[in-house]
Protein backbone atom coordinates (compact mmCIF):
# COMPACT_ATOMS: atom_id res chain seq x y z
CA MET A 1 27.34 -94.85 148.01
CA PRO A 2 27.26 -97.61 145.61
CA LEU A 3 30.18 -98.74 143.10
CA ILE A 4 30.01 -100.30 139.98
CA GLY A 5 29.26 -104.17 140.45
CA ASP A 6 27.32 -103.37 143.59
CA LYS A 7 23.79 -104.16 144.36
CA ALA A 8 21.89 -100.82 143.89
CA PRO A 9 20.64 -99.33 147.04
CA SER A 10 17.02 -100.02 147.85
CA PHE A 11 14.60 -97.53 148.67
CA GLU A 12 10.95 -96.55 148.67
CA ALA A 13 9.68 -93.04 147.35
CA VAL A 14 6.92 -91.04 146.31
CA THR A 15 6.93 -90.10 142.49
CA THR A 16 4.82 -88.44 140.00
CA GLN A 17 3.61 -91.59 138.85
CA ASP A 18 2.96 -94.12 141.93
CA PRO A 19 5.03 -94.84 144.84
CA VAL A 20 8.23 -96.65 143.81
CA LYS A 21 9.86 -99.67 145.83
CA PHE A 22 13.33 -99.95 144.24
CA PRO A 23 14.94 -102.16 142.74
CA GLU A 24 11.90 -104.63 143.35
CA ASP A 25 9.62 -102.65 141.17
CA TYR A 26 12.00 -102.84 138.17
CA ALA A 27 13.03 -106.39 138.51
CA GLY A 28 13.90 -107.67 135.20
CA LYS A 29 14.44 -104.51 133.55
CA TRP A 30 17.33 -102.31 132.83
CA VAL A 31 17.10 -98.76 134.74
CA ILE A 32 18.34 -95.47 134.22
CA LEU A 33 18.18 -93.60 137.50
CA PHE A 34 19.29 -90.18 137.00
CA SER A 35 19.25 -86.91 139.19
CA HIS A 36 18.87 -83.11 138.21
CA PRO A 37 19.60 -79.99 140.43
CA ALA A 38 16.39 -78.52 140.42
CA ASP A 39 12.97 -78.24 138.57
CA PHE A 40 12.11 -75.32 136.45
CA THR A 41 15.78 -74.48 135.40
CA PRO A 42 16.50 -74.20 131.77
CA VAL A 43 19.13 -77.17 131.33
CA CYS A 44 17.09 -79.66 133.49
CA THR A 45 13.82 -78.58 131.52
CA THR A 46 15.49 -79.34 127.94
CA GLU A 47 17.14 -82.62 129.49
CA PHE A 48 13.49 -83.76 130.48
CA MET A 49 12.21 -82.84 127.15
CA THR A 50 14.73 -84.96 125.59
CA PHE A 51 14.18 -87.92 127.99
CA GLY A 52 10.35 -87.67 127.49
CA SER A 53 10.75 -87.62 123.90
CA MET A 54 12.80 -90.76 124.05
CA ILE A 55 10.68 -93.06 126.28
CA ASP A 56 9.64 -95.33 123.26
CA GLU A 57 13.52 -95.94 122.54
CA PHE A 58 14.04 -96.85 126.17
CA LYS A 59 11.26 -98.92 126.49
CA ALA A 60 12.38 -100.99 123.09
CA LEU A 61 15.56 -101.67 125.03
CA ASN A 62 13.67 -103.07 128.16
CA THR A 63 14.75 -99.95 129.98
CA GLU A 64 12.99 -97.67 132.56
CA LEU A 65 13.76 -94.07 133.40
CA LEU A 66 13.69 -93.01 136.89
CA GLY A 67 14.34 -89.20 137.81
CA LEU A 68 15.01 -87.46 141.04
CA SER A 69 15.79 -84.10 142.33
CA VAL A 70 15.32 -82.81 145.98
CA ASP A 71 12.32 -80.67 144.88
CA SER A 72 8.67 -81.70 146.43
CA ILE A 73 6.21 -83.55 144.43
CA TYR A 74 4.12 -80.40 144.10
CA SER A 75 6.94 -78.67 142.15
CA HIS A 76 7.68 -81.63 140.05
CA VAL A 77 4.10 -81.80 138.86
CA ALA A 78 3.83 -77.99 138.09
CA TRP A 79 6.99 -78.14 136.30
CA LEU A 80 6.12 -81.53 134.37
CA ARG A 81 2.86 -79.63 133.48
CA LYS A 82 4.76 -76.47 132.22
CA ILE A 83 7.04 -78.75 130.05
CA GLN A 84 4.00 -79.83 128.07
CA GLU A 85 3.29 -76.32 127.13
CA LEU A 86 7.08 -75.81 125.92
CA GLU A 87 8.71 -76.07 122.60
CA TRP A 88 12.46 -76.70 122.17
CA ASN A 89 14.75 -77.99 119.52
CA GLY A 90 11.86 -79.22 117.56
CA LYS A 91 10.18 -80.94 120.63
CA LYS A 92 6.89 -79.86 122.02
CA HIS A 93 3.96 -80.78 124.02
CA ILE A 94 6.26 -83.46 125.59
CA ASN A 95 4.25 -85.56 128.29
CA VAL A 96 6.99 -87.01 130.67
CA THR A 97 5.43 -90.39 131.64
CA PHE A 98 8.43 -91.68 133.48
CA PRO A 99 8.26 -91.24 137.45
CA LEU A 100 10.23 -88.52 139.20
CA ILE A 101 11.09 -88.99 142.62
CA GLU A 102 10.40 -86.48 145.42
CA ASP A 103 13.55 -86.37 147.70
CA ILE A 104 13.29 -83.45 149.79
CA ARG A 105 14.96 -85.17 152.63
CA MET A 106 17.74 -86.16 150.28
CA GLU A 107 17.55 -89.71 151.55
CA VAL A 108 17.91 -91.28 148.36
CA ALA A 109 20.16 -88.81 146.83
CA ASN A 110 22.49 -89.17 149.77
CA LYS A 111 22.55 -93.10 149.30
CA TYR A 112 23.44 -92.71 145.76
CA GLY A 113 26.08 -89.86 146.42
CA MET A 114 24.28 -87.37 144.47
CA ILE A 115 24.74 -84.84 147.17
CA GLN A 116 28.31 -83.58 146.70
CA PRO A 117 29.19 -80.74 149.30
CA GLY A 118 31.87 -79.35 146.89
CA GLN A 119 28.93 -78.66 144.56
CA SER A 120 26.06 -77.92 146.71
CA ASN A 121 24.49 -79.18 150.15
CA THR A 122 21.02 -78.63 149.02
CA GLN A 123 21.00 -79.66 145.25
CA ALA A 124 21.72 -83.16 143.53
CA VAL A 125 24.48 -83.11 140.97
CA ARG A 126 23.52 -84.63 137.80
CA ALA A 127 24.18 -88.21 138.05
CA VAL A 128 23.33 -91.15 136.01
CA PHE A 129 23.20 -94.77 137.30
CA VAL A 130 22.72 -97.66 134.75
CA ILE A 131 21.35 -100.66 136.54
CA ASP A 132 20.86 -103.96 135.12
CA PRO A 133 17.89 -106.42 135.22
CA ASN A 134 19.13 -107.95 138.54
CA GLY A 135 19.55 -104.67 140.35
CA VAL A 136 23.29 -104.36 139.89
CA VAL A 137 25.11 -101.02 139.22
CA ARG A 138 26.68 -101.16 135.86
CA THR A 139 27.45 -97.73 135.00
CA ILE A 140 28.14 -94.42 137.19
CA LEU A 141 28.31 -90.97 135.69
CA TYR A 142 28.45 -87.68 137.52
CA TYR A 143 28.38 -84.27 136.15
CA PRO A 144 28.69 -80.69 137.93
CA LEU A 145 25.63 -78.80 138.37
CA SER A 146 26.56 -76.47 135.32
CA THR A 147 26.86 -79.29 132.70
CA GLY A 148 23.95 -80.68 130.78
CA ARG A 149 23.95 -84.21 129.51
CA ASN A 150 24.59 -85.23 125.91
CA PHE A 151 22.08 -87.53 124.25
CA ASP A 152 23.34 -87.72 120.82
CA GLY A 153 25.99 -90.38 121.83
CA PRO A 154 26.35 -93.84 120.75
CA GLN A 155 24.63 -95.42 123.93
CA LEU A 156 21.01 -95.93 122.39
CA ARG A 157 22.30 -96.49 118.57
């Protein structure tokens, strides 16, 4: 499990976009690696709609998003298609274009401490890792399964 100031653990993974080799594929860019407990849940859906609607803001900051849950690639694809049909909080027809990692074996989640037995043995907690352009972990946030993220804070302002 990485600590602030550590090199981000490397991994290769299948995603909803292309296979990812991390951190090599993101060299020179900031990365927000985040996890969610499960596809198709209401809070996770609204978080993805929000992240998806903010993609241009992140790109303007040389920042890439990389999501993860322990669901299958088939579940991810079906869920992201469903998100395009939904409307919430003024957001609708959101096309999530950032990669979502399939991690059914929980390999990446375990490397990053996203599986916390006090919370669940089969779902990732909500975690956020901010990784700098050199692949160094700069921020780590963990939230319980029951708590959503706040996107209205000062981090992007």
